Amino acid sequence: ENTYFEKLGVNKEEYYYFIISAKEDLDQLFELMRYSNFNRMKLNEKGL
């Protein structure tokens, strides 16, 4: 209920998402991410 997501694009059969979630949903979100093999991007770039 307290999570928002957008589908951003596709690259090599992988679908990219932007997710914003309240603290109370984090445990369920992390479990879903683990089950779905969610590959979280870690970029040090600033800006858009």
All heavy atoms as atom14 arrays in JSON, in Angstrom:
{
  "sequence": "ENTYFEKLGVNKEEYYYFIISAKEDLDQLFELMRYSNFNRMKLNEKGL",
  "atom14_mask": [
    [1, 1, 1, 1, 1, 1, 1, 1, 1, 0, 0, 0, 0, 0],
    [1, 1, 1, 1, 1, 1, 1, 1, 0, 0, 0, 0, 0, 0],
    [1, 1, 1, 1, 1, 1, 1, 0, 0, 0, 0, 0, 0, 0],
    [1, 1, 1, 1, 1, 1, 1, 1, 1, 1, 1, 1, 0, 0],
    [1, 1, 1, 1, 1, 1, 1, 1, 1, 1, 1, 0, 0, 0],
    [1, 1, 1, 1, 1, 1, 1, 1, 1, 0, 0, 0, 0, 0],
    [1, 1, 1, 1, 1, 1, 1, 1, 1, 0, 0, 0, 0, 0],
    [1, 1, 1, 1, 1, 1, 1, 1, 0, 0, 0, 0, 0, 0],
    [1, 1, 1, 1, 0, 0, 0, 0, 0, 0, 0, 0, 0, 0],
    [1, 1, 1, 1, 1, 1, 1, 0, 0, 0, 0, 0, 0, 0],
    [1, 1, 1, 1, 1, 1, 1, 1, 0, 0, 0, 0, 0, 0],
    [1, 1, 1, 1, 1, 1, 1, 1, 1, 0, 0, 0, 0, 0],
    [1, 1, 1, 1, 1, 1, 1, 1, 1, 0, 0, 0, 0, 0],
    [1, 1, 1, 1, 1, 1, 1, 1, 1, 0, 0, 0, 0, 0],
    [1, 1, 1, 1, 1, 1, 1, 1, 1, 1, 1, 1, 0, 0],
    [1, 1, 1, 1, 1, 1, 1, 1, 1, 1, 1, 1, 0, 0],
    [1, 1, 1, 1, 1, 1, 1, 1, 1, 1, 1, 1, 0, 0],
    [1, 1, 1, 1, 1, 1, 1, 1, 1, 1, 1, 0, 0, 0],
    [1, 1, 1, 1, 1, 1, 1, 1, 0, 0, 0, 0, 0, 0],
    [1, 1, 1, 1, 1, 1, 1, 1, 0, 0, 0, 0, 0, 0],
    [1, 1, 1, 1, 1, 1, 0, 0, 0, 0, 0, 0, 0, 0],
    [1, 1, 1, 1, 1, 0, 0, 0, 0, 0, 0, 0, 0, 0],
    [1, 1, 1, 1, 1, 1, 1, 1, 1, 0, 0, 0, 0, 0],
    [1, 1, 1, 1, 1, 1, 1, 1, 1, 0, 0, 0, 0, 0],
    [1, 1, 1, 1, 1, 1, 1, 1, 0, 0, 0, 0, 0, 0],
    [1, 1, 1, 1, 1, 1, 1, 1, 0, 0, 0, 0, 0, 0],
    [1, 1, 1, 1, 1, 1, 1, 1, 0, 0, 0, 0, 0, 0],
    [1, 1, 1, 1, 1, 1, 1, 1, 1, 0, 0, 0, 0, 0],
    [1, 1, 1, 1, 1, 1, 1, 1, 0, 0, 0, 0, 0, 0],
    [1, 1, 1, 1, 1, 1, 1, 1, 1, 1, 1, 0, 0, 0],
    [1, 1, 1, 1, 1, 1, 1, 1, 1, 0, 0, 0, 0, 0],
    [1, 1, 1, 1, 1, 1, 1, 1, 0, 0, 0, 0, 0, 0],
    [1, 1, 1, 1, 1, 1, 1, 1, 0, 0, 0, 0, 0, 0],
    [1, 1, 1, 1, 1, 1, 1, 1, 1, 1, 1, 0, 0, 0],
    [1, 1, 1, 1, 1, 1, 1, 1, 1, 1, 1, 1, 0, 0],
    [1, 1, 1, 1, 1, 1, 0, 0, 0, 0, 0, 0, 0, 0],
    [1, 1, 1, 1, 1, 1, 1, 1, 0, 0, 0, 0, 0, 0],
    [1, 1, 1, 1, 1, 1, 1, 1, 1, 1, 1, 0, 0, 0],
    [1, 1, 1, 1, 1, 1, 1, 1, 0, 0, 0, 0, 0, 0],
    [1, 1, 1, 1, 1, 1, 1, 1, 1, 1, 1, 0, 0, 0],
    [1, 1, 1, 1, 1, 1, 1, 1, 0, 0, 0, 0, 0, 0],
    [1, 1, 1, 1, 1, 1, 1, 1, 1, 0, 0, 0, 0, 0],
    [1, 1, 1, 1, 1, 1, 1, 1, 0, 0, 0, 0, 0, 0],
    [1, 1, 1, 1, 1, 1, 1, 1, 0, 0, 0, 0, 0, 0],
    [1, 1, 1, 1, 1, 1, 1, 1, 1, 0, 0, 0, 0, 0],
    [1, 1, 1, 1, 1, 1, 1, 1, 1, 0, 0, 0, 0, 0],
    [1, 1, 1, 1, 0, 0, 0, 0, 0, 0, 0, 0, 0, 0],
    [1, 1, 1, 1, 1, 1, 1, 1, 0, 0, 0, 0, 0, 0]
  ],
  "atom14_positions": [
    [[0.82, -1.21, 0.0], [0.0, 0.0, 0.0], [0.85, 1.27, 0.0], [0.46, 2.3, -0.55], [-0.93, 0.01, 1.23], [-1.96, -1.11, 1.21], [-2.87, -1.07, 2.43], [-2.63, -0.18, 3.29], [-3.78, -1.91, 2.52], [0.0, 0.0, 0.0], [0.0, 0.0, 0.0], [0.0, 0.0, 0.0], [0.0, 0.0, 0.0], [0.0, 0.0, 0.0]],
    [[2.02, 1.23, 0.62], [2.85, 2.44, 0.76], [4.08, 2.39, -0.16], [5.14, 2.88, 0.19], [3.27, 2.6, 2.22], [2.08, 2.73, 3.14], [1.22, 3.59, 2.95], [2.01, 1.84, 4.14], [0.0, 0.0, 0.0], [0.0, 0.0, 0.0], [0.0, 0.0, 0.0], [0.0, 0.0, 0.0], [0.0, 0.0, 0.0], [0.0, 0.0, 0.0]],
    [[3.93, 1.76, -1.32], [5.03, 1.64, -2.29], [4.55, 2.09, -3.66], [3.45, 1.72, -4.09], [5.54, 0.19, -2.36], [6.03, -0.18, -1.07], [6.66, 0.05, -3.38], [0.0, 0.0, 0.0], [0.0, 0.0, 0.0], [0.0, 0.0, 0.0], [0.0, 0.0, 0.0], [0.0, 0.0, 0.0], [0.0, 0.0, 0.0], [0.0, 0.0, 0.0]],
    [[5.42, 2.87, -4.31], [5.12, 3.37, -5.66], [6.23, 2.88, -6.59], [7.41, 2.85, -6.2], [5.05, 4.89, -5.65], [5.02, 5.5, -7.05], [3.83, 5.56, -7.77], [6.18, 6.0, -7.63], [3.81, 6.11, -9.05], [6.16, 6.55, -8.9], [4.97, 6.6, -9.62], [4.95, 7.14, -10.89], [0.0, 0.0, 0.0], [0.0, 0.0, 0.0]],
    [[5.84, 2.49, -7.83], [6.88, 2.03, -8.78], [6.54, 2.49, -10.2], [5.37, 2.73, -10.52], [7.01, 0.5, -8.73], [5.83, -0.24, -9.3], [5.82, -0.63, -10.65], [4.73, -0.57, -8.51], [4.74, -1.32, -11.17], [3.64, -1.26, -9.02], [3.64, -1.64, -10.36], [0.0, 0.0, 0.0], [0.0, 0.0, 0.0], [0.0, 0.0, 0.0]],
    [[7.59, 2.63, -10.99], [7.46, 2.95, -12.41], [8.34, 2.01, -13.22], [9.47, 1.7, -12.8], [7.9, 4.39, -12.7], [6.95, 5.46, -12.25], [7.44, 6.84, -12.65], [8.35, 6.9, -13.54], [6.95, 7.84, -12.11], [0.0, 0.0, 0.0], [0.0, 0.0, 0.0], [0.0, 0.0, 0.0], [0.0, 0.0, 0.0], [0.0, 0.0, 0.0]],
    [[7.83, 1.56, -14.37], [8.66, 0.76, -15.3], [9.4, 1.75, -16.2], [8.78, 2.55, -16.91], [7.8, -0.18, -16.13], [8.62, -1.14, -17.0], [7.72, -1.99, -17.9], [6.92, -2.98, -17.07], [6.11, -3.88, -17.93], [0.0, 0.0, 0.0], [0.0, 0.0, 0.0], [0.0, 0.0, 0.0], [0.0, 0.0, 0.0], [0.0, 0.0, 0.0]],
    [[10.74, 1.7, -16.16], [11.55, 2.71, -16.85], [11.97, 2.29, -18.26], [12.02, 3.1, -19.18], [12.81, 3.02, -16.04], [12.56, 3.58, -14.63], [13.87, 3.7, -13.89], [11.85, 4.93, -14.71], [0.0, 0.0, 0.0], [0.0, 0.0, 0.0], [0.0, 0.0, 0.0], [0.0, 0.0, 0.0], [0.0, 0.0, 0.0], [0.0, 0.0, 0.0]],
    [[12.34, 1.04, -18.48], [12.82, 0.61, -19.78], [13.25, -0.84, -19.76], [13.17, -1.53, -18.73], [0.0, 0.0, 0.0], [0.0, 0.0, 0.0], [0.0, 0.0, 0.0], [0.0, 0.0, 0.0], [0.0, 0.0, 0.0], [0.0, 0.0, 0.0], [0.0, 0.0, 0.0], [0.0, 0.0, 0.0], [0.0, 0.0, 0.0], [0.0, 0.0, 0.0]],
    [[13.72, -1.31, -20.91], [14.11, -2.72, -21.08], [15.51, -2.77, -21.69], [15.84, -1.98, -22.59], [13.12, -3.47, -21.99], [13.52, -4.94, -22.11], [11.71, -3.35, -21.48], [0.0, 0.0, 0.0], [0.0, 0.0, 0.0], [0.0, 0.0, 0.0], [0.0, 0.0, 0.0], [0.0, 0.0, 0.0], [0.0, 0.0, 0.0], [0.0, 0.0, 0.0]],
    [[16.32, -3.7, -21.2], [17.65, -3.91, -21.77], [18.0, -5.39, -21.66], [18.11, -5.93, -20.56], [18.7, -3.07, -21.04], [20.08, -3.22, -21.64], [20.22, -3.39, -22.85], [21.1, -3.17, -20.8], [0.0, 0.0, 0.0], [0.0, 0.0, 0.0], [0.0, 0.0, 0.0], [0.0, 0.0, 0.0], [0.0, 0.0, 0.0], [0.0, 0.0, 0.0]],
    [[18.12, -6.04, -22.83], [18.5, -7.46, -22.86], [17.57, -8.32, -22.0], [18.02, -9.08, -21.13], [19.94, -7.65, -22.42], [20.96, -7.0, -23.34], [22.37, -7.25, -22.85], [23.39, -6.58, -23.77], [24.78, -6.78, -23.29], [0.0, 0.0, 0.0], [0.0, 0.0, 0.0], [0.0, 0.0, 0.0], [0.0, 0.0, 0.0], [0.0, 0.0, 0.0]],
    [[16.27, -8.16, -22.21], [15.24, -8.95, -21.55], [15.18, -8.71, -20.04], [14.63, -9.52, -19.29], [15.43, -10.45, -21.83], [15.31, -10.8, -23.3], [15.42, -12.3, -23.53], [15.64, -13.03, -22.55], [15.26, -12.72, -24.69], [0.0, 0.0, 0.0], [0.0, 0.0, 0.0], [0.0, 0.0, 0.0], [0.0, 0.0, 0.0], [0.0, 0.0, 0.0]],
    [[15.76, -7.61, -19.61], [15.63, -7.21, -18.21], [14.82, -5.91, -18.15], [15.08, -4.97, -18.92], [17.0, -6.99, -17.55], [17.69, -8.28, -17.18], [18.88, -8.05, -16.25], [19.57, -7.03, -16.42], [19.09, -8.89, -15.37], [0.0, 0.0, 0.0], [0.0, 0.0, 0.0], [0.0, 0.0, 0.0], [0.0, 0.0, 0.0], [0.0, 0.0, 0.0]],
    [[13.87, -5.87, -17.25], [12.98, -4.72, -17.11], [13.43, -3.88, -15.9], [13.61, -4.43, -14.8], [11.54, -5.18, -16.95], [10.95, -5.75, -18.21], [11.29, -7.03, -18.63], [10.08, -5.01, -19.0], [10.77, -7.56, -19.8], [9.55, -5.53, -20.18], [9.9, -6.81, -20.57], [9.39, -7.32, -21.74], [0.0, 0.0, 0.0], [0.0, 0.0, 0.0]],
    [[13.6, -2.57, -16.12], [14.11, -1.68, -15.09], [12.94, -0.93, -14.42], [12.0, -0.48, -15.09], [15.11, -0.68, -15.68], [16.45, -1.32, -15.99], [16.63, -2.12, -17.11], [17.53, -1.15, -15.13], [17.84, -2.71, -17.38], [18.76, -1.74, -15.39], [18.9, -2.52, -16.52], [20.1, -3.1, -16.76], [0.0, 0.0, 0.0], [0.0, 0.0, 0.0]],
    [[13.06, -0.78, -13.09], [12.0, -0.15, -12.3], [12.59, 0.92, -11.39], [13.74, 0.8, -10.92], [11.28, -1.18, -11.43], [10.45, -2.16, -12.2], [11.0, -3.34, -12.7], [9.09, -1.91, -12.44], [10.24, -4.24, -13.41], [8.32, -2.81, -13.16], [8.89, -3.97, -13.64], [8.13, -4.86, -14.34], [0.0, 0.0, 0.0], [0.0, 0.0, 0.0]],
    [[11.76, 1.98, -11.18], [12.03, 2.96, -10.12], [11.01, 2.68, -9.02], [9.81, 2.63, -9.27], [11.88, 4.38, -10.64], [11.82, 5.41, -9.56], [12.93, 5.68, -8.78], [10.63, 6.09, -9.28], [12.87, 6.63, -7.76], [10.56, 7.02, -8.27], [11.7, 7.3, -7.51], [0.0, 0.0, 0.0], [0.0, 0.0, 0.0], [0.0, 0.0, 0.0]],
    [[11.49, 2.49, -7.78], [10.61, 2.15, -6.66], [10.87, 3.13, -5.52], [12.03, 3.42, -5.18], [10.87, 0.71, -6.17], [10.67, -0.29, -7.33], [9.98, 0.36, -4.99], [11.09, -1.7, -6.98], [0.0, 0.0, 0.0], [0.0, 0.0, 0.0], [0.0, 0.0, 0.0], [0.0, 0.0, 0.0], [0.0, 0.0, 0.0], [0.0, 0.0, 0.0]],
    [[9.77, 3.64, -4.9], [9.86, 4.45, -3.69], [8.9, 3.84, -2.69], [7.73, 3.58, -3.0], [9.53, 5.93, -3.98], [9.68, 6.75, -2.69], [8.18, 6.12, -4.63], [9.67, 8.25, -2.94], [0.0, 0.0, 0.0], [0.0, 0.0, 0.0], [0.0, 0.0, 0.0], [0.0, 0.0, 0.0], [0.0, 0.0, 0.0], [0.0, 0.0, 0.0]],
    [[9.41, 3.59, -1.49], [8.63, 2.82, -0.52], [8.79, 3.41, 0.88], [9.89, 3.85, 1.26], [9.08, 1.36, -0.51], [8.37, 0.62, 0.45], [0.0, 0.0, 0.0], [0.0, 0.0, 0.0], [0.0, 0.0, 0.0], [0.0, 0.0, 0.0], [0.0, 0.0, 0.0], [0.0, 0.0, 0.0], [0.0, 0.0, 0.0], [0.0, 0.0, 0.0]],
    [[7.67, 3.39, 1.62], [7.71, 3.83, 3.02], [8.4, 2.76, 3.87], [8.52, 1.59, 3.48], [6.3, 4.08, 3.53], [0.0, 0.0, 0.0], [0.0, 0.0, 0.0], [0.0, 0.0, 0.0], [0.0, 0.0, 0.0], [0.0, 0.0, 0.0], [0.0, 0.0, 0.0], [0.0, 0.0, 0.0], [0.0, 0.0, 0.0], [0.0, 0.0, 0.0]],
    [[8.86, 3.2, 5.05], [9.64, 2.3, 5.9], [8.86, 1.04, 6.28], [9.43, -0.05, 6.36], [10.07, 3.02, 7.18], [10.92, 4.27, 6.97], [12.28, 3.93, 6.42], [13.16, 5.18, 6.33], [14.49, 4.87, 5.77], [0.0, 0.0, 0.0], [0.0, 0.0, 0.0], [0.0, 0.0, 0.0], [0.0, 0.0, 0.0], [0.0, 0.0, 0.0]],
    [[7.52, 1.19, 6.51], [6.75, 0.04, 6.97], [6.61, -1.06, 5.93], [6.26, -2.2, 6.27], [5.35, 0.48, 7.45], [4.56, 1.26, 6.44], [4.71, 2.77, 6.61], [5.81, 3.2, 7.08], [3.78, 3.5, 6.31], [0.0, 0.0, 0.0], [0.0, 0.0, 0.0], [0.0, 0.0, 0.0], [0.0, 0.0, 0.0], [0.0, 0.0, 0.0]],
    [[6.86, -0.72, 4.64], [6.76, -1.75, 3.58], [8.1, -2.41, 3.25], [8.16, -3.32, 2.42], [6.2, -1.13, 2.29], [4.69, -0.92, 2.36], [4.09, -1.39, 3.33], [4.14, -0.31, 1.41], [0.0, 0.0, 0.0], [0.0, 0.0, 0.0], [0.0, 0.0, 0.0], [0.0, 0.0, 0.0], [0.0, 0.0, 0.0], [0.0, 0.0, 0.0]],
    [[9.16, -1.92, 3.87], [10.5, -2.36, 3.43], [10.73, -3.85, 3.6], [11.32, -4.51, 2.72], [11.58, -1.57, 4.18], [11.82, -0.13, 3.71], [12.93, 0.5, 4.53], [12.15, -0.11, 2.23], [0.0, 0.0, 0.0], [0.0, 0.0, 0.0], [0.0, 0.0, 0.0], [0.0, 0.0, 0.0], [0.0, 0.0, 0.0], [0.0, 0.0, 0.0]],
    [[10.29, -4.41, 4.71], [10.53, -5.85, 4.92], [9.87, -6.68, 3.84], [10.47, -7.61, 3.27], [10.01, -6.26, 6.3], [10.86, -5.7, 7.43], [12.02, -5.31, 7.14], [10.38, -5.63, 8.56], [0.0, 0.0, 0.0], [0.0, 0.0, 0.0], [0.0, 0.0, 0.0], [0.0, 0.0, 0.0], [0.0, 0.0, 0.0], [0.0, 0.0, 0.0]],
    [[8.62, -6.36, 3.53], [7.91, -7.09, 2.48], [8.54, -6.84, 1.11], [8.64, -7.75, 0.27], [6.43, -6.68, 2.47], [5.63, -7.16, 3.66], [4.19, -6.68, 3.62], [3.92, -5.5, 3.9], [3.3, -7.58, 3.25], [0.0, 0.0, 0.0], [0.0, 0.0, 0.0], [0.0, 0.0, 0.0], [0.0, 0.0, 0.0], [0.0, 0.0, 0.0]],
    [[8.96, -5.58, 0.89], [9.59, -5.23, -0.39], [10.9, -6.01, -0.59], [11.16, -6.55, -1.66], [9.85, -3.73, -0.46], [10.57, -3.23, -1.72], [9.76, -3.55, -2.97], [10.85, -1.74, -1.63], [0.0, 0.0, 0.0], [0.0, 0.0, 0.0], [0.0, 0.0, 0.0], [0.0, 0.0, 0.0], [0.0, 0.0, 0.0], [0.0, 0.0, 0.0]],
    [[11.72, -6.06, 0.45], [13.0, -6.76, 0.34], [12.78, -8.26, 0.1], [13.54, -8.9, -0.64], [13.84, -6.55, 1.6], [14.4, -5.17, 1.73], [14.69, -4.63, 2.98], [14.65, -4.39, 0.6], [15.22, -3.35, 3.1], [15.18, -3.12, 0.72], [15.46, -2.59, 1.97], [0.0, 0.0, 0.0], [0.0, 0.0, 0.0], [0.0, 0.0, 0.0]],
    [[11.74, -8.81, 0.72], [11.44, -10.22, 0.5], [11.02, -10.46, -0.95], [11.42, -11.43, -1.59], [10.33, -10.67, 1.45], [9.92, -12.13, 1.31], [11.03, -13.09, 1.66], [11.95, -12.71, 2.41], [10.98, -14.25, 1.2], [0.0, 0.0, 0.0], [0.0, 0.0, 0.0], [0.0, 0.0, 0.0], [0.0, 0.0, 0.0], [0.0, 0.0, 0.0]],
    [[10.21, -9.54, -1.48], [9.78, -9.63, -2.89], [10.98, -9.5, -3.81], [11.1, -10.21, -4.82], [8.74, -8.55, -3.18], [8.23, -8.47, -4.63], [7.51, -9.77, -5.02], [7.3, -7.27, -4.81], [0.0, 0.0, 0.0], [0.0, 0.0, 0.0], [0.0, 0.0, 0.0], [0.0, 0.0, 0.0], [0.0, 0.0, 0.0], [0.0, 0.0, 0.0]],
    [[11.85, -8.56, -3.5], [13.06, -8.35, -4.33], [13.95, -9.6, -4.33], [14.5, -9.99, -5.35], [13.83, -7.14, -3.82], [13.11, -5.81, -4.08], [13.85, -4.43, -3.17], [15.52, -4.46, -3.72], [0.0, 0.0, 0.0], [0.0, 0.0, 0.0], [0.0, 0.0, 0.0], [0.0, 0.0, 0.0], [0.0, 0.0, 0.0], [0.0, 0.0, 0.0]],
    [[14.07, -10.22, -3.16], [14.9, -11.43, -3.07], [14.28, -12.56, -3.89], [14.97, -13.26, -4.63], [15.03, -11.85, -1.62], [15.97, -13.04, -1.4], [15.92, -13.52, 0.03], [14.6, -14.04, 0.34], [14.17, -15.25, 0.01], [14.94, -16.07, -0.69], [12.95, -15.65, 0.34], [0.0, 0.0, 0.0], [0.0, 0.0, 0.0], [0.0, 0.0, 0.0]],
    [[12.98, -12.71, -3.77], [12.29, -13.78, -4.5], [12.36, -13.55, -6.01], [12.45, -14.5, -6.79], [10.83, -13.82, -4.03], [9.97, -14.83, -4.78], [10.04, -16.19, -4.47], [9.11, -14.41, -5.79], [9.27, -17.11, -5.17], [8.34, -15.33, -6.49], [8.42, -16.67, -6.18], [7.66, -17.58, -6.86], [0.0, 0.0, 0.0], [0.0, 0.0, 0.0]],
    [[12.32, -12.27, -6.45], [12.29, -11.93, -7.88], [13.68, -11.68, -8.46], [13.81, -11.26, -9.61], [11.42, -10.69, -8.11], [10.12, -10.89, -7.62], [0.0, 0.0, 0.0], [0.0, 0.0, 0.0], [0.0, 0.0, 0.0], [0.0, 0.0, 0.0], [0.0, 0.0, 0.0], [0.0, 0.0, 0.0], [0.0, 0.0, 0.0], [0.0, 0.0, 0.0]],
    [[14.74, -11.92, -7.67], [16.13, -11.68, -8.12], [16.28, -10.25, -8.63], [16.84, -10.0, -9.71], [16.53, -12.67, -9.21], [16.67, -14.08, -8.68], [17.11, -14.27, -7.54], [16.28, -15.07, -9.47], [0.0, 0.0, 0.0], [0.0, 0.0, 0.0], [0.0, 0.0, 0.0], [0.0, 0.0, 0.0], [0.0, 0.0, 0.0], [0.0, 0.0, 0.0]],
    [[15.78, -9.32, -7.85], [15.87, -7.91, -8.22], [17.33, -7.46, -8.15], [17.99, -7.61, -7.12], [15.01, -7.07, -7.26], [14.97, -5.6, -7.58], [14.11, -5.12, -8.55], [15.8, -4.71, -6.91], [14.07, -3.76, -8.83], [15.77, -3.37, -7.2], [14.89, -2.88, -8.17], [0.0, 0.0, 0.0], [0.0, 0.0, 0.0], [0.0, 0.0, 0.0]],
    [[17.83, -6.93, -9.27], [19.23, -6.49, -9.37], [19.28, -4.98, -9.18], [18.98, -4.22, -10.09], [19.81, -6.89, -10.74], [21.28, -6.52, -10.86], [21.96, -6.31, -9.86], [21.75, -6.43, -12.09], [0.0, 0.0, 0.0], [0.0, 0.0, 0.0], [0.0, 0.0, 0.0], [0.0, 0.0, 0.0], [0.0, 0.0, 0.0], [0.0, 0.0, 0.0]],
    [[19.64, -4.57, -7.98], [19.62, -3.15, -7.64], [20.84, -2.44, -8.2], [21.97, -2.91, -8.09], [19.59, -2.98, -6.12], [19.36, -1.55, -5.66], [19.11, -1.52, -4.17], [18.85, -0.18, -3.71], [18.5, 0.15, -2.47], [18.35, -0.82, -1.57], [18.28, 1.4, -2.12], [0.0, 0.0, 0.0], [0.0, 0.0, 0.0], [0.0, 0.0, 0.0]],
    [[20.6, -1.31, -8.87], [21.68, -0.53, -9.46], [22.34, 0.34, -8.4], [21.66, 0.95, -7.57], [21.15, 0.37, -10.59], [20.64, -0.37, -11.8], [20.03, 0.76, -13.08], [21.53, 1.64, -13.5], [0.0, 0.0, 0.0], [0.0, 0.0, 0.0], [0.0, 0.0, 0.0], [0.0, 0.0, 0.0], [0.0, 0.0, 0.0], [0.0, 0.0, 0.0]],
    [[23.67, 0.37, -8.44], [24.43, 1.23, -7.54], [25.3, 2.15, -8.39], [26.34, 1.75, -8.91], [25.29, 0.41, -6.6], [24.48, -0.45, -5.63], [25.39, -1.25, -4.7], [24.56, -2.09, -3.74], [25.42, -2.89, -2.82], [0.0, 0.0, 0.0], [0.0, 0.0, 0.0], [0.0, 0.0, 0.0], [0.0, 0.0, 0.0], [0.0, 0.0, 0.0]],
    [[24.86, 3.36, -8.57], [25.58, 4.33, -9.4], [25.98, 5.53, -8.56], [25.22, 6.0, -7.72], [24.71, 4.77, -10.58], [24.39, 3.68, -11.61], [23.42, 4.21, -12.65], [25.66, 3.18, -12.28], [0.0, 0.0, 0.0], [0.0, 0.0, 0.0], [0.0, 0.0, 0.0], [0.0, 0.0, 0.0], [0.0, 0.0, 0.0], [0.0, 0.0, 0.0]],
    [[27.19, 5.99, -8.79], [27.69, 7.14, -8.05], [27.48, 8.45, -8.8], [27.95, 9.5, -8.36], [29.19, 6.97, -7.76], [29.46, 5.74, -6.89], [28.7, 5.47, -5.97], [30.53, 5.02, -7.21], [0.0, 0.0, 0.0], [0.0, 0.0, 0.0], [0.0, 0.0, 0.0], [0.0, 0.0, 0.0], [0.0, 0.0, 0.0], [0.0, 0.0, 0.0]],
    [[26.83, 8.36, -9.97], [26.61, 9.56, -10.77], [25.59, 10.47, -10.09], [24.6, 10.02, -9.52], [26.1, 9.16, -12.16], [27.07, 8.31, -12.94], [28.35, 9.04, -13.27], [28.28, 10.23, -13.6], [29.43, 8.4, -13.19], [0.0, 0.0, 0.0], [0.0, 0.0, 0.0], [0.0, 0.0, 0.0], [0.0, 0.0, 0.0], [0.0, 0.0, 0.0]],
    [[25.85, 11.76, -10.17], [24.92, 12.74, -9.64], [24.08, 13.3, -10.79], [24.51, 13.31, -11.93], [25.67, 13.88, -8.94], [26.43, 13.42, -7.71], [27.14, 14.58, -7.04], [27.9, 14.11, -5.8], [28.59, 15.24, -5.12], [0.0, 0.0, 0.0], [0.0, 0.0, 0.0], [0.0, 0.0, 0.0], [0.0, 0.0, 0.0], [0.0, 0.0, 0.0]],
    [[22.89, 13.8, -10.47], [22.03, 14.38, -11.49], [21.19, 13.33, -12.18], [21.21, 12.14, -11.86], [0.0, 0.0, 0.0], [0.0, 0.0, 0.0], [0.0, 0.0, 0.0], [0.0, 0.0, 0.0], [0.0, 0.0, 0.0], [0.0, 0.0, 0.0], [0.0, 0.0, 0.0], [0.0, 0.0, 0.0], [0.0, 0.0, 0.0], [0.0, 0.0, 0.0]],
    [[20.46, 13.81, -13.21], [19.56, 12.93, -13.95], [20.34, 12.01, -14.88], [21.35, 12.41, -15.47], [18.58, 13.77, -14.77], [17.63, 14.67, -13.97], [16.78, 15.52, -14.92], [16.75, 13.85, -13.04], [0.0, 0.0, 0.0], [0.0, 0.0, 0.0], [0.0, 0.0, 0.0], [0.0, 0.0, 0.0], [0.0, 0.0, 0.0], [0.0, 0.0, 0.0]]
  ]
}
